[in-house]
Amino acid sequence: MNRKKKVKSTLKAQLKRANAKNNPKNKPKYISKAERAKLEQEQLAQEQLEQE
């Protein structure tokens, strides 16, 4: 009985991982705090160039 349970749980876990890879991720990619600050500075610089 234990061997059957072990095999079944292993196959179930493999199937779960395979399905997780195929499904699209809803979560946005993580952007670090430093990267966000850099992007904000670039955006401010662009706005200042457009105003001039």
C-alpha atoms as a PDB file:
ATOM      1  CA  MET A   1       0.000   0.000   0.000  1.00  0.00           C
ATOM      2  CA  ASN A   2       2.750   2.481   0.885  1.00  0.00           C
ATOM      3  CA  ARG A   3       4.550   1.892  -2.422  1.00  0.00           C
ATOM      4  CA  LYS A   4       1.369   2.613  -4.385  1.00  0.00           C
ATOM      5  CA  LYS A   5       0.761   5.760  -2.382  1.00  0.00           C
ATOM      6  CA  LYS A   6       4.338   6.952  -2.931  1.00  0.00           C
ATOM      7  CA  VAL A   7       4.179   6.361  -6.700  1.00  0.00           C
ATOM      8  CA  LYS A   8       0.786   8.018  -6.965  1.00  0.00           C
ATOM      9  CA  SER A   9       1.892  11.076  -4.997  1.00  0.00           C
ATOM     10  CA  THR A  10       5.084  11.377  -7.072  1.00  0.00           C
ATOM     11  CA  LEU A  11       3.171  11.258 -10.356  1.00  0.00           C
ATOM     12  CA  LYS A  12       0.592  13.699  -9.029  1.00  0.00           C
ATOM     13  CA  ALA A  13       3.354  16.137  -8.055  1.00  0.00           C
ATOM     14  CA  GLN A  14       4.966  15.855 -11.497  1.00  0.00           C
ATOM     15  CA  LEU A  15       1.628  16.550 -13.161  1.00  0.00           C
ATOM     16  CA  LYS A  16       1.056  19.555 -10.913  1.00  0.00           C
ATOM     17  CA  ARG A  17       4.484  21.005 -11.798  1.00  0.00           C
ATOM     18  CA  ALA A  18       3.883  20.438 -15.517  1.00  0.00           C
ATOM     19  CA  ASN A  19       0.513  22.201 -15.362  1.00  0.00           C
ATOM     20  CA  ALA A  20       2.017  25.101 -13.432  1.00  0.00           C
ATOM     21  CA  LYS A  21       4.635  25.597 -16.151  1.00  0.00           C
ATOM     22  CA  ASN A  22       2.028  25.644 -18.911  1.00  0.00           C
ATOM     23  CA  ASN A  23      -0.365  28.077 -17.257  1.00  0.00           C
ATOM     24  CA  PRO A  24       0.337  31.793 -17.677  1.00  0.00           C
ATOM     25  CA  LYS A  25       1.556  33.708 -14.665  1.00  0.00           C
ATOM     26  CA  ASN A  26      -0.846  36.372 -13.385  1.00  0.00           C
ATOM     27  CA  LYS A  27       1.715  37.954 -11.131  1.00  0.00           C
ATOM     28  CA  PRO A  28       3.741  40.844 -12.608  1.00  0.00           C
ATOM     29  CA  LYS A  29       7.505  40.510 -12.723  1.00  0.00           C
ATOM     30  CA  TYR A  30       9.233  41.848  -9.591  1.00  0.00           C
ATOM     31  CA  ILE A  31      10.979  45.213  -9.985  1.00  0.00           C
ATOM     32  CA  SER A  32      13.478  46.084  -7.276  1.00  0.00           C
ATOM     33  CA  LYS A  33      13.273  49.321  -5.342  1.00  0.00           C
ATOM     34  CA  ALA A  34      16.479  50.608  -6.959  1.00  0.00           C
ATOM     35  CA  GLU A  35      15.154  49.773 -10.429  1.00  0.00           C
ATOM     36  CA  ARG A  36      11.859  51.598  -9.694  1.00  0.00           C
ATOM     37  CA  ALA A  37      13.791  54.674  -8.540  1.00  0.00           C
ATOM     38  CA  LYS A  38      15.916  54.557 -11.700  1.00  0.00           C
ATOM     39  CA  LEU A  39      12.823  54.297 -13.911  1.00  0.00           C
ATOM     40  CA  GLU A  40      11.204  57.202 -12.079  1.00  0.00           C
ATOM     41  CA  GLN A  41      14.297  59.372 -12.598  1.00  0.00           C
ATOM     42  CA  GLU A  42      14.312  58.542 -16.311  1.00  0.00           C
ATOM     43  CA  GLN A  43      10.623  59.389 -16.566  1.00  0.00           C
ATOM     44  CA  LEU A  44      11.162  62.734 -14.824  1.00  0.00           C
ATOM     45  CA  ALA A  45      14.053  63.510 -17.170  1.00  0.00           C
ATOM     46  CA  GLN A  46      11.858  62.716 -20.185  1.00  0.00           C
ATOM     47  CA  GLU A  47       9.095  64.999 -18.900  1.00  0.00           C
ATOM     48  CA  GLN A  48      11.543  67.848 -18.369  1.00  0.00           C
ATOM     49  CA  LEU A  49      12.892  67.454 -21.913  1.00  0.00           C
ATOM     50  CA  GLU A  50       9.358  67.502 -23.336  1.00  0.00           C
ATOM     51  CA  GLN A  51       8.467  70.678 -21.430  1.00  0.00           C
ATOM     52  CA  GLU A  52      11.485  72.582 -22.767  1.00  0.00           C
END
